[in-house]
Amino acid sequence: MKKKYIDTNLRVDTSKDICEMSKMELVQLICKEYGGKPSSYYNTATNQSVNKFWTWNRTFRHYLDLKENFVYQDGTRTRVKLNGKPY
């Protein structure tokens, strides 16, 4: 059985439709486009409950929320909208 691993180079196949991506690909996309940390979406030695919370559906909705309401520039994530309305 192949082990899954997180690609630290953050190579994401952007030719895929976002609905066809796996959770790992979505996390990589969030990290690349919005400066997130992969450890925020997976279990770590000190936090074992994260993996249960970040299901594919929640990760997908979180990505869509980031895409709609935030801008990532110069290493800083800035909110530009609140619930779809200009801030």
C-alpha atoms as a PDB file:
ATOM      1  CA  MET A   1       0.000   0.000   0.000  1.00  0.00           C
ATOM      2  CA  LYS A   2       1.331   3.435  -0.927  1.00  0.00           C
ATOM      3  CA  LYS A   3       1.723   5.942   1.858  1.00  0.00           C
ATOM      4  CA  LYS A   4       0.138   9.336   1.395  1.00  0.00           C
ATOM      5  CA  TYR A   5       2.396  12.271   2.028  1.00  0.00           C
ATOM      6  CA  ILE A   6       2.159  16.018   1.879  1.00  0.00           C
ATOM      7  CA  ASP A   7       4.129  17.454  -1.016  1.00  0.00           C
ATOM      8  CA  THR A   8       6.124  20.276   0.530  1.00  0.00           C
ATOM      9  CA  ASN A   9       6.797  21.795  -2.894  1.00  0.00           C
ATOM     10  CA  LEU A  10       3.079  22.584  -3.154  1.00  0.00           C
ATOM     11  CA  ARG A  11       2.684  21.363  -6.707  1.00  0.00           C
ATOM     12  CA  VAL A  12      -1.021  21.350  -7.492  1.00  0.00           C
ATOM     13  CA  ASP A  13      -2.601  20.142 -10.713  1.00  0.00           C
ATOM     14  CA  THR A  14      -4.725  23.184 -11.571  1.00  0.00           C
ATOM     15  CA  SER A  15      -6.149  21.586 -14.717  1.00  0.00           C
ATOM     16  CA  LYS A  16      -8.513  19.561 -12.497  1.00  0.00           C
ATOM     17  CA  ASP A  17     -11.934  20.839 -11.562  1.00  0.00           C
ATOM     18  CA  ILE A  18     -11.905  21.878  -7.914  1.00  0.00           C
ATOM     19  CA  CYS A  19     -14.759  19.476  -7.108  1.00  0.00           C
ATOM     20  CA  GLU A  20     -12.600  16.549  -8.303  1.00  0.00           C
ATOM     21  CA  MET A  21      -9.626  17.387  -6.072  1.00  0.00           C
ATOM     22  CA  SER A  22      -8.787  15.332  -3.022  1.00  0.00           C
ATOM     23  CA  LYS A  23      -8.518  16.869   0.441  1.00  0.00           C
ATOM     24  CA  MET A  24      -4.730  16.795   0.157  1.00  0.00           C
ATOM     25  CA  GLU A  25      -4.855  18.744  -3.113  1.00  0.00           C
ATOM     26  CA  LEU A  26      -7.256  21.288  -1.600  1.00  0.00           C
ATOM     27  CA  VAL A  27      -4.946  21.792   1.382  1.00  0.00           C
ATOM     28  CA  GLN A  28      -1.994  22.286  -0.963  1.00  0.00           C
ATOM     29  CA  LEU A  29      -4.020  24.835  -2.941  1.00  0.00           C
ATOM     30  CA  ILE A  30      -4.928  26.734   0.241  1.00  0.00           C
ATOM     31  CA  CYS A  31      -1.287  26.742   1.327  1.00  0.00           C
ATOM     32  CA  LYS A  32      -0.106  27.962  -2.064  1.00  0.00           C
ATOM     33  CA  GLU A  33      -2.748  30.634  -2.677  1.00  0.00           C
ATOM     34  CA  TYR A  34      -3.516  31.836   0.860  1.00  0.00           C
ATOM     35  CA  GLY A  35      -0.456  31.009   2.957  1.00  0.00           C
ATOM     36  CA  GLY A  36      -1.974  28.348   5.191  1.00  0.00           C
ATOM     37  CA  LYS A  37      -0.021  25.616   6.955  1.00  0.00           C
ATOM     38  CA  PRO A  38      -0.641  21.944   6.079  1.00  0.00           C
ATOM     39  CA  SER A  39      -0.428  21.041   9.764  1.00  0.00           C
ATOM     40  CA  SER A  40      -3.570  23.122  10.370  1.00  0.00           C
ATOM     41  CA  TYR A  41      -5.633  20.590   8.408  1.00  0.00           C
ATOM     42  CA  TYR A  42      -4.045  17.305   9.547  1.00  0.00           C
ATOM     43  CA  ASN A  43      -3.236  15.603  12.847  1.00  0.00           C
ATOM     44  CA  THR A  44      -0.038  16.568  14.606  1.00  0.00           C
ATOM     45  CA  ALA A  45       1.665  15.060  17.636  1.00  0.00           C
ATOM     46  CA  THR A  46       0.018  17.609  19.926  1.00  0.00           C
ATOM     47  CA  ASN A  47      -3.392  17.930  18.267  1.00  0.00           C
ATOM     48  CA  GLN A  48      -5.153  14.702  17.353  1.00  0.00           C
ATOM     49  CA  SER A  49      -8.659  16.074  16.749  1.00  0.00           C
ATOM     50  CA  VAL A  50      -7.922  18.280  13.724  1.00  0.00           C
ATOM     51  CA  ASN A  51      -8.206  15.493  11.154  1.00  0.00           C
ATOM     52  CA  LYS A  52     -11.741  14.647  12.289  1.00  0.00           C
ATOM     53  CA  PHE A  53     -12.843  18.282  11.968  1.00  0.00           C
ATOM     54  CA  TRP A  54     -11.320  19.060   8.551  1.00  0.00           C
ATOM     55  CA  THR A  55     -13.343  16.758   6.334  1.00  0.00           C
ATOM     56  CA  TRP A  56     -13.225  17.174   2.558  1.00  0.00           C
ATOM     57  CA  ASN A  57     -16.474  19.155   2.599  1.00  0.00           C
ATOM     58  CA  ARG A  58     -15.318  21.596   5.296  1.00  0.00           C
ATOM     59  CA  THR A  59     -11.958  22.054   3.588  1.00  0.00           C
ATOM     60  CA  PHE A  60     -13.734  22.721   0.284  1.00  0.00           C
ATOM     61  CA  ARG A  61     -16.103  25.285   1.844  1.00  0.00           C
ATOM     62  CA  HIS A  62     -13.168  26.924   3.648  1.00  0.00           C
ATOM     63  CA  TYR A  63     -11.318  27.280   0.329  1.00  0.00           C
ATOM     64  CA  LEU A  64     -14.383  28.848  -1.301  1.00  0.00           C
ATOM     65  CA  ASP A  65     -14.722  31.259   1.643  1.00  0.00           C
ATOM     66  CA  LEU A  66     -11.055  32.248   1.356  1.00  0.00           C
ATOM     67  CA  LYS A  67     -11.435  32.748  -2.384  1.00  0.00           C
ATOM     68  CA  GLU A  68     -14.494  34.988  -1.981  1.00  0.00           C
ATOM     69  CA  ASN A  69     -13.600  37.015   1.113  1.00  0.00           C
ATOM     70  CA  PHE A  70      -9.795  37.251   1.353  1.00  0.00           C
ATOM     71  CA  VAL A  71      -6.790  38.502  -0.623  1.00  0.00           C
ATOM     72  CA  TYR A  72      -3.294  37.154   0.005  1.00  0.00           C
ATOM     73  CA  GLN A  73      -0.483  39.601  -0.791  1.00  0.00           C
ATOM     74  CA  ASP A  74       3.089  39.867   0.466  1.00  0.00           C
ATOM     75  CA  GLY A  75       2.646  37.072   3.009  1.00  0.00           C
ATOM     76  CA  THR A  76      -0.454  38.606   4.597  1.00  0.00           C
ATOM     77  CA  ARG A  77      -4.039  37.399   4.343  1.00  0.00           C
ATOM     78  CA  THR A  78      -6.434  40.375   4.309  1.00  0.00           C
ATOM     79  CA  ARG A  79     -10.224  40.261   4.499  1.00  0.00           C
ATOM     80  CA  VAL A  80     -11.877  42.258   1.707  1.00  0.00           C
ATOM     81  CA  LYS A  81     -15.459  41.108   2.218  1.00  0.00           C
ATOM     82  CA  LEU A  82     -17.568  39.927   5.123  1.00  0.00           C
ATOM     83  CA  ASN A  83     -20.106  37.297   4.108  1.00  0.00           C
ATOM     84  CA  GLY A  84     -19.817  38.391   0.471  1.00  0.00           C
ATOM     85  CA  LYS A  85     -20.383  42.113   1.165  1.00  0.00           C
ATOM     86  CA  PRO A  86     -17.502  44.632   0.753  1.00  0.00           C
ATOM     87  CA  TYR A  87     -15.729  45.303   4.022  1.00  0.00           C
END
